[in-house]
Protein backbone atom coordinates (compact mmCIF):
# COMPACT_ATOMS: atom_id res chain seq x y z
CA MET A 1 120.45 26.19 -80.39
CA LYS A 2 117.26 28.04 -81.20
CA ARG A 3 113.84 26.46 -81.27
CA PHE A 4 110.72 27.74 -82.96
CA LEU A 5 107.13 26.52 -82.61
CA LEU A 6 105.49 26.33 -86.03
CA SER A 7 101.85 27.20 -86.68
CA ASN A 8 99.09 24.67 -86.12
CA LEU A 9 98.49 24.47 -89.84
CA LEU A 10 102.07 23.47 -90.55
CA ILE A 11 101.81 20.91 -87.77
CA PHE A 12 98.70 19.53 -89.47
CA PHE A 13 100.41 18.92 -92.80
CA LEU A 14 103.88 17.99 -91.54
CA GLY A 15 103.21 16.73 -88.03
CA ILE A 16 103.26 13.00 -87.36
CA THR A 17 103.23 11.80 -83.79
CA ALA A 18 106.23 9.53 -83.40
CA SER A 19 108.28 8.05 -80.63
CA PHE A 20 111.49 7.51 -82.57
CA ALA A 21 114.99 8.70 -81.79
CA GLN A 22 116.39 12.17 -81.86
CA TYR A 23 116.66 13.19 -85.51
CA GLY A 24 115.17 10.20 -87.33
CA GLN A 25 111.64 11.46 -87.96
CA GLY A 26 111.62 14.91 -89.47
CA ILE A 27 113.17 17.24 -92.03
CA LEU A 28 116.88 17.98 -92.25
CA ILE A 29 117.65 21.51 -93.41
CA ALA A 30 121.05 22.30 -94.95
CA ASN A 31 122.52 25.69 -94.08
CA GLU A 32 125.44 26.41 -96.40
CA GLY A 33 127.19 29.02 -94.25
CA ASN A 34 129.45 31.84 -95.39
CA TYR A 35 132.16 30.94 -97.89
CA GLY A 36 135.51 30.95 -96.12
CA ASN A 37 134.00 30.54 -92.65
CA PRO A 38 133.30 27.29 -90.76
CA ASN A 39 129.71 28.26 -89.93
CA ALA A 40 127.80 25.71 -92.04
CA SER A 41 125.10 23.96 -90.01
CA VAL A 42 122.11 21.63 -90.10
CA SER A 43 118.66 22.47 -88.76
CA TYR A 44 115.96 19.93 -87.99
CA TYR A 45 112.16 20.00 -87.99
CA ASP A 46 110.83 17.33 -85.62
CA PHE A 47 107.54 15.63 -86.50
CA ALA A 48 106.91 14.70 -82.86
CA THR A 49 107.55 18.05 -81.14
CA HIS A 50 106.76 20.34 -84.11
CA GLN A 51 109.89 22.33 -83.35
CA ILE A 52 112.86 23.46 -85.40
CA THR A 53 116.26 23.00 -83.80
CA ASN A 54 119.28 24.76 -85.30
CA GLY A 55 122.86 23.52 -85.09
CA ILE A 56 122.21 19.81 -84.57
CA TYR A 57 125.62 18.65 -85.87
CA ASN A 58 127.46 21.06 -83.59
CA ALA A 59 125.39 19.92 -80.62
CA ALA A 60 125.87 16.21 -81.32
CA ASN A 61 129.63 16.43 -81.90
CA SER A 62 130.81 19.51 -79.98
CA GLU A 63 132.59 20.82 -83.06
CA ALA A 64 131.95 23.05 -86.05
CA LEU A 65 130.73 21.28 -89.19
CA GLY A 66 132.90 23.21 -91.64
CA ASP A 67 132.84 25.54 -94.62
CA VAL A 68 129.95 25.42 -97.15
CA LEU A 69 127.47 22.56 -96.69
CA GLN A 70 126.50 21.95 -100.31
CA HIS A 71 124.29 18.86 -100.09
CA ILE A 72 122.95 16.17 -97.75
CA GLY A 73 122.66 12.60 -99.01
CA LEU A 74 120.76 9.90 -97.11
CA TYR A 75 121.59 6.20 -97.45
CA GLN A 76 120.61 3.37 -95.11
CA ASP A 77 121.28 4.55 -91.53
CA LYS A 78 123.66 7.37 -92.46
CA ALA A 79 123.57 10.99 -93.60
CA TYR A 80 126.38 12.25 -95.82
CA LEU A 81 127.20 15.95 -95.44
CA VAL A 82 129.00 17.24 -98.53
CA MET A 83 131.30 20.07 -97.45
CA ASN A 84 132.38 22.01 -100.52
CA ASN A 85 135.03 24.45 -99.32
CA SER A 86 136.23 22.16 -96.53
CA ASN A 87 136.98 19.47 -99.13
CA LYS A 88 135.40 16.63 -97.20
CA VAL A 89 132.30 14.48 -96.80
CA VAL A 90 131.23 14.06 -93.19
CA ILE A 91 129.28 10.85 -92.48
CA VAL A 92 126.95 10.83 -89.48
CA ASN A 93 124.36 8.52 -88.01
CA ARG A 94 121.15 9.96 -89.45
CA VAL A 95 119.26 9.50 -86.17
CA SER A 96 121.77 10.65 -83.52
CA PHE A 97 123.79 12.81 -85.95
CA GLN A 98 127.00 11.67 -84.27
CA LYS A 99 129.98 11.60 -86.61
CA ILE A 100 131.06 8.23 -88.00
CA ALA A 101 133.75 9.17 -90.51
CA THR A 102 135.25 12.00 -92.53
CA ILE A 103 136.16 11.32 -96.17
CA THR A 104 138.88 13.41 -97.84
CA ASP A 105 140.55 10.99 -100.27
CA GLY A 106 139.84 12.21 -103.80
CA ILE A 107 137.62 15.05 -102.61
CA SER A 108 138.16 18.33 -104.47
CA ASN A 109 135.47 20.99 -103.96
CA PRO A 110 132.68 18.39 -103.72
CA ARG A 111 129.19 19.35 -104.86
CA TYR A 112 126.65 16.50 -104.70
CA ILE A 113 126.34 12.82 -103.79
CA ALA A 114 124.29 9.87 -105.07
CA PHE A 115 124.04 6.17 -104.14
CA ALA A 116 123.82 2.88 -106.08
CA ASP A 117 125.12 -0.70 -105.80
CA ASN A 118 126.27 -0.12 -102.20
CA LYS A 119 128.52 2.69 -103.38
CA TYR A 120 128.41 6.44 -103.12
CA PHE A 121 129.38 8.79 -105.92
CA VAL A 122 130.63 12.33 -105.23
CA THR A 123 130.99 15.06 -107.86
CA ASN A 124 134.09 17.24 -107.53
CA SER A 125 133.95 20.57 -109.32
CA LYS A 126 137.66 21.41 -109.05
CA SER A 127 139.09 18.10 -110.32
CA LYS A 128 136.12 17.58 -112.70
CA THR A 129 135.76 14.01 -111.50
CA VAL A 130 133.30 11.67 -109.83
CA THR A 131 134.93 9.81 -106.96
CA VAL A 132 133.38 6.48 -105.99
CA TYR A 133 133.46 4.87 -102.53
CA ASP A 134 132.45 1.54 -101.03
CA ALA A 135 129.54 2.35 -98.71
CA THR A 136 130.61 -0.34 -96.22
CA THR A 137 134.32 0.43 -95.89
CA ASN A 138 134.33 4.06 -97.13
CA ASN A 139 137.37 3.21 -99.25
CA LYS A 140 137.73 4.98 -102.60
CA VAL A 141 137.28 2.45 -105.40
CA ALA A 142 137.31 4.60 -108.54
CA GLU A 143 137.70 8.07 -109.97
CA ILE A 144 135.84 8.88 -113.18
CA ALA A 145 136.72 11.98 -115.19
CA SER A 146 134.25 14.25 -116.92
CA THR A 147 133.81 13.12 -120.53
CA ASP A 148 133.87 16.64 -121.97
CA GLY A 149 136.48 18.24 -119.72
CA LYS A 150 133.97 20.57 -118.13
CA SER A 151 133.21 20.96 -114.47
CA ILE A 152 130.46 18.82 -112.98
CA ASP A 153 127.71 19.46 -110.47
CA ASN A 154 124.46 17.65 -109.69
CA ILE A 155 124.28 13.83 -109.68
CA VAL A 156 121.33 11.40 -109.44
CA SER A 157 120.85 7.64 -109.58
CA ILE A 158 118.21 5.56 -111.35
CA GLY A 159 118.59 1.85 -110.74
CA ASN A 160 122.24 0.97 -111.38
CA LYS A 161 122.93 4.02 -113.49
CA ILE A 162 124.41 7.31 -112.36
CA PHE A 163 123.64 10.55 -114.22
CA VAL A 164 126.12 13.40 -113.80
CA MET A 165 125.43 16.99 -114.81
CA GLN A 166 128.43 18.20 -116.82
CA ALA A 167 127.52 21.81 -116.21
CA ILE A 168 127.86 24.24 -113.35
CA PHE A 169 126.69 27.78 -112.65
CA GLY A 170 124.68 27.88 -115.88
CA THR A 171 127.38 26.68 -118.29
CA GLY A 172 127.49 23.26 -119.95
CA ASN A 173 125.01 21.14 -121.85
CA SER A 174 125.64 17.43 -121.29
CA ILE A 175 124.87 14.61 -118.86
CA MET A 176 127.41 11.81 -118.34
CA VAL A 177 126.00 8.31 -117.73
CA ILE A 178 127.91 5.86 -115.52
CA ASP A 179 127.35 2.15 -114.96
CA ALA A 180 127.27 1.95 -111.15
CA VAL A 181 128.24 -1.75 -111.11
CA ASN A 182 131.15 -1.80 -113.55
CA LEU A 183 132.11 1.86 -113.01
CA THR A 184 132.37 2.58 -116.71
CA THR A 185 130.92 5.46 -118.70
CA LEU A 186 127.97 4.60 -120.94
CA GLY A 187 127.91 7.81 -122.97
CA THR A 188 126.51 11.31 -122.70
CA ILE A 189 123.14 12.97 -123.19
CA THR A 190 123.22 16.38 -124.88
CA VAL A 191 120.70 19.07 -124.04
CA ASN A 192 120.52 22.81 -124.61
CA ASP A 193 123.16 25.08 -123.13
CA ASN A 194 123.00 26.35 -119.54
CA LEU A 195 121.93 23.09 -117.93
CA GLN A 196 120.75 24.17 -114.48
CA TRP A 197 119.39 21.10 -112.70
CA MET A 198 118.32 17.44 -112.91
CA HIS A 199 115.76 15.40 -111.03
CA ALA A 200 115.02 11.65 -111.04
CA THR A 201 111.55 10.31 -110.29
CA ASN A 202 109.26 7.53 -111.55
CA ASP A 203 112.22 5.91 -113.35
CA LYS A 204 112.57 9.00 -115.53
CA LEU A 205 115.25 11.67 -115.69
CA TYR A 206 114.25 15.32 -115.98
CA ALA A 207 116.54 18.22 -116.86
CA TRP A 208 116.11 22.00 -116.76
CA CYS A 209 118.00 24.44 -119.01
CA THR A 210 117.93 28.20 -119.44
CA SER A 211 119.51 30.12 -122.33
CA GLY A 212 120.02 33.86 -122.54
CA ASP A 213 117.65 36.07 -120.58
CA SER A 214 114.41 34.25 -121.19
CA HIS A 215 114.57 30.84 -122.93
CA THR A 216 113.76 27.73 -120.87
CA ASP A 217 113.81 24.04 -121.86
CA PHE A 218 112.41 21.19 -119.75
CA TYR A 219 113.46 17.68 -120.80
CA GLU A 220 112.06 14.24 -120.04
CA ILE A 221 114.72 11.56 -120.65
CA ASP A 222 114.48 7.76 -120.81
CA PRO A 223 117.24 6.44 -118.50
CA LYS A 224 117.36 3.08 -120.32
CA THR A 225 117.95 4.38 -123.85
CA HIS A 226 119.31 7.82 -122.88
CA ASN A 227 116.95 9.31 -125.46
CA ILE A 228 115.07 12.55 -124.92
CA ILE A 229 111.38 11.65 -124.80
CA ARG A 230 110.01 15.18 -124.98
CA THR A 231 111.02 18.80 -124.62
CA LEU A 232 108.86 21.67 -123.38
CA SER A 233 110.18 25.13 -124.22
CA THR A 234 109.17 28.72 -123.57
CA ASP A 235 110.48 32.27 -123.73
CA ALA A 236 108.04 33.48 -121.08
CA TYR A 237 110.33 33.44 -118.03
CA LYS A 238 113.29 35.46 -116.94
CA ALA A 239 115.98 33.70 -114.90
CA SER A 240 114.15 30.42 -114.23
CA TRP A 241 115.86 28.08 -111.76
CA LYS A 242 115.36 25.98 -108.60
CA MET A 243 113.41 23.10 -110.14
CA THR A 244 112.04 20.17 -108.12
CA ILE A 245 109.43 17.44 -108.60
CA SER A 246 107.06 16.02 -106.00
CA ASN A 247 104.09 13.68 -106.47
CA ASN A 248 104.23 14.05 -110.27
CA VAL A 249 104.15 17.84 -110.14
CA LEU A 250 106.99 20.06 -111.36
CA TYR A 251 107.73 23.14 -109.24
CA PHE A 252 110.17 25.88 -110.21
CA VAL A 253 111.12 29.49 -109.57
CA ALA A 254 111.23 32.13 -112.32
CA ASN A 255 111.28 35.92 -112.61
CA THR A 256 113.20 36.01 -109.31
CA ASN A 257 110.27 35.52 -106.95
CA GLU A 258 107.46 33.74 -108.81
CA ILE A 259 106.76 30.05 -108.18
CA TYR A 260 105.17 27.89 -110.86
CA ALA A 261 103.59 24.42 -110.68
CA MET A 262 102.77 22.01 -113.50
CA PRO A 263 101.68 18.35 -113.68
CA LEU A 264 104.38 16.24 -115.33
CA SER A 265 101.76 15.13 -117.85
CA ALA A 266 101.26 18.71 -119.11
CA THR A 267 102.05 19.46 -122.74
CA ALA A 268 103.29 23.01 -122.20
CA LEU A 269 105.06 24.95 -119.48
CA PRO A 270 102.64 27.13 -117.47
CA ASP A 271 102.00 30.77 -118.32
CA ASN A 272 100.95 31.87 -114.85
CA SER A 273 102.59 31.48 -111.47
CA VAL A 274 100.80 29.96 -108.50
CA LEU A 275 102.61 32.00 -105.87
CA THR A 276 104.67 35.18 -105.53
CA VAL A 277 107.04 35.54 -102.60
CA THR A 278 108.97 38.53 -101.30
CA ASP A 279 111.63 39.64 -103.77
CA ASN A 280 115.07 39.83 -102.21
CA GLY A 281 117.14 39.49 -105.37
CA TRP A 282 119.38 36.44 -105.71
CA SER A 283 118.68 35.44 -102.09
CA THR A 284 115.03 34.71 -102.92
CA CYS A 285 114.18 31.00 -102.73
CA TYR A 286 117.85 30.14 -102.21
CA GLY A 287 116.47 27.15 -100.33
CA PHE A 288 113.61 25.49 -102.20
CA GLY A 289 111.80 22.16 -101.85
CA VAL A 290 108.45 20.41 -101.71
CA LEU A 291 107.91 17.73 -99.05
CA MET A 292 104.66 15.98 -98.13
CA GLY A 293 102.44 18.57 -99.81
CA VAL A 294 104.24 21.60 -98.39
CA LEU A 295 106.43 23.97 -100.41
CA LEU A 296 109.31 25.32 -98.35
CA GLU A 297 111.39 28.29 -99.45
CA ALA A 298 114.15 30.15 -97.66
CA ASP A 299 115.43 33.68 -98.18
CA ALA A 300 119.22 33.60 -97.67
CA GLN A 301 119.24 37.32 -96.80
CA GLU A 302 122.40 37.80 -98.87
CA PHE A 303 124.28 35.70 -96.29
CA THR A 304 124.39 38.66 -93.91
CA ALA A 305 121.84 37.21 -91.45
CA PRO A 306 120.24 33.83 -90.74
CA SER A 307 117.92 32.57 -93.48
CA LEU A 308 114.17 33.00 -93.11
CA MET A 309 111.91 30.10 -94.11
CA SER A 310 108.30 30.24 -95.24
CA GLY A 311 105.96 27.34 -95.98
CA TYR A 312 102.92 27.05 -98.25
CA MET A 313 100.28 24.36 -98.65
CA THR A 314 100.39 23.17 -102.27
CA SER A 315 96.70 22.24 -102.29
CA ASN A 316 95.58 25.88 -102.12
CA TRP A 317 98.84 27.90 -101.68
CA GLY A 318 97.81 29.17 -98.27
CA GLN A 319 100.75 30.32 -96.19
CA MET A 320 101.35 28.19 -93.11
CA VAL A 321 104.45 29.73 -91.61
CA SER A 322 106.63 32.73 -92.39
CA ASN A 323 110.06 34.04 -91.46
CA VAL A 324 111.19 31.09 -89.36
CA GLU A 325 114.86 31.71 -88.55
CA LEU A 326 117.27 28.97 -89.62
CA GLY A 327 121.05 28.92 -90.12
CA MET A 328 123.15 30.94 -92.54
CA GLY A 329 122.45 30.37 -96.23
CA THR A 330 119.75 27.68 -96.23
CA ASN A 331 119.99 25.76 -99.50
CA GLY A 332 118.05 22.49 -99.15
CA PHE A 333 115.38 20.43 -97.36
CA TYR A 334 115.56 16.62 -96.92
CA LEU A 335 112.95 14.21 -95.58
CA ASN A 336 114.66 12.08 -92.91
CA ASN A 337 112.12 9.35 -92.29
CA TYR A 338 114.61 6.64 -91.40
CA GLU A 339 112.83 4.95 -88.49
CA GLY A 340 109.61 4.94 -90.44
CA LEU A 341 109.21 4.41 -94.17
CA ASP A 342 110.10 6.49 -97.18
CA ASP A 343 107.35 8.05 -99.31
CA ASP A 344 107.23 5.23 -101.89
CA ILE A 345 107.08 2.47 -99.26
CA MET A 346 104.50 4.38 -97.23
CA ALA A 347 102.31 4.53 -100.31
CA THR A 348 102.35 0.74 -100.61
CA ARG A 349 101.92 0.13 -96.89
CA LEU A 350 99.17 2.62 -96.18
CA GLN A 351 96.40 3.51 -98.57
CA VAL A 352 93.12 5.24 -97.92
CA TYR A 353 90.50 4.09 -100.42
CA PRO A 354 88.45 5.17 -102.18
CA ASN A 355 90.08 8.58 -102.44
CA PRO A 356 88.32 10.90 -103.24
CA ALA A 357 85.43 9.48 -101.23
CA LYS A 358 81.88 10.41 -100.29
CA ASN A 359 80.33 8.07 -97.72
CA VAL A 360 82.89 5.55 -96.40
CA ILE A 361 86.61 4.85 -96.53
CA SER A 362 88.82 1.90 -95.67
CA ILE A 363 92.56 1.69 -95.00
CA ARG A 364 94.80 -0.87 -96.62
CA GLY A 365 98.09 -1.88 -95.02
CA VAL A 366 97.32 -1.96 -91.28
CA GLN A 367 95.68 -4.65 -89.20
CA GLN A 368 94.69 -2.54 -86.21
CA ALA A 369 95.17 1.17 -85.64
CA THR A 370 93.83 4.36 -84.15
CA VAL A 371 92.65 6.54 -87.01
CA LYS A 372 92.11 10.28 -86.73
CA ILE A 373 90.70 12.47 -89.50
CA HIS A 374 91.81 16.11 -89.28
CA ASN A 375 90.40 19.11 -91.12
CA ILE A 376 92.59 21.86 -92.62
CA LYS A 377 92.57 23.70 -89.29
CA GLY A 378 94.18 20.69 -87.64
CA GLN A 379 91.04 19.83 -85.68
CA VAL A 380 90.15 16.16 -85.13
CA CYS A 381 86.82 15.59 -86.86
CA LYS A 382 86.62 11.85 -86.30
CA GLU A 383 88.56 9.26 -84.30
CA VAL A 384 88.01 5.50 -84.51
CA ASN A 385 89.70 2.25 -83.55
CA TYR A 386 90.15 0.56 -86.91
CA THR A 387 90.55 -3.08 -87.94
CA GLU A 388 91.60 -3.86 -91.51
CA GLY A 389 88.62 -4.58 -93.75
CA GLU A 390 86.23 -2.34 -91.84
CA GLN A 391 84.69 0.85 -93.21
CA ILE A 392 84.83 4.27 -91.63
CA GLU A 393 81.72 6.41 -92.06
CA ILE A 394 82.52 9.91 -93.42
CA ALA A 395 79.11 10.95 -94.76
CA ASP A 396 78.77 13.32 -91.81
CA LEU A 397 81.91 15.27 -92.79
CA ARG A 398 81.69 18.29 -95.06
CA PRO A 399 83.25 18.14 -98.53
CA GLY A 400 86.86 19.28 -98.49
CA VAL A 401 90.46 18.26 -97.89
CA TYR A 402 91.33 16.25 -94.78
CA MET A 403 94.35 14.41 -93.40
CA VAL A 404 94.00 10.83 -92.21
CA ILE A 405 96.55 9.98 -89.49
CA CYS A 406 96.84 6.30 -88.71
CA GLN A 407 98.75 5.17 -85.63
CA SER A 408 99.61 1.49 -85.22
CA GLN A 409 102.36 -0.65 -83.72
CA ALA A 410 104.34 -0.23 -86.95
CA GLY A 411 104.42 3.54 -86.60
CA THR A 412 102.40 6.59 -87.51
CA PHE A 413 101.51 7.32 -91.12
CA MET A 414 99.32 9.84 -92.87
CA GLU A 415 97.53 10.40 -96.16
CA LYS A 416 95.53 13.26 -97.59
CA LEU A 417 91.81 12.54 -98.11
CA VAL A 418 89.44 14.42 -100.40
CA ILE A 419 85.75 14.18 -99.48
CA ASN A 420 83.30 15.06 -102.26
């Protein structure tokens, strides 16, 4: 296993001091591996040590993971490793990463996984089906065929509905809707051809399509009515793909190596990119994600060498780390915050207010804590012992972006602070 020490700036924006177990407080990184070879792997960025460790599944289980890690799903205390060419889903404890079970029943070139109603739903590109399993027993309970006979790919859940992308590798134009409780199909949503990706956030479904060499459509869909709320279209990009959404901002890759960002409230797709990365053809941004204010992208190096990851701060697009070596064919990044709280719960438990602020701040959600305010260099500008209801003086700090790190008995949490 190889370990790499990331820069202080990356530590500032990703680092949270924690005392939790082995792999429960950090970022899981999926390394696809070479097709036809059992060299898929998982890397891990640890919030406590600020290190990346490669090959954590192999180390925890003394065995190879398999052939083509397509996706990692996280549910309760488990991680589900979707192994495409090995035709299996490997279930591990998401903290120790020790194997719990291997699922093969009904699995046929699996692609992605989603969770609802204590079940997990796996898309199978070869059989063109969604196989459904009881999350407690791991028994297969249903198999649902594609409604249009086409292959299927990405899958997301919103409440007790499952949305399945009936398109793969840029062909197909519909989304199948499944009732997660009754395991019946509720219809399909039709979009433009070449449906590339879907994303669920804020109880909305978003879809990304490309047609021909340059046409792009971005859809916002109401998951209750299945109606398309709005469509943003442009002919400005060539080969747009790799779409994700974080904190109400859409991020995507176009023109091979240009990264764009747009608030979800925008009325038109952006004309100008926010960042240009090194162009390495189809390998560019093969791994792509935005977590906790940091955009991570990985160059797959045409699967001839380990992937190289770079990270950028989305507040000003400054580069924090470059060419960190991972496994072969990095294709995804996943926040594994099991022992703490997920992003939505953290937002309700910890809140710095007012934000932006000028003279004083308070912190909602903790009774007593040690609070440190860091600048963008990672330096501690202020440290106080805080009791809920008190005010922290910040008038002596220069205007700018800071990170408030709050450590209490419940854990360690952080929030970005803007001082005017």
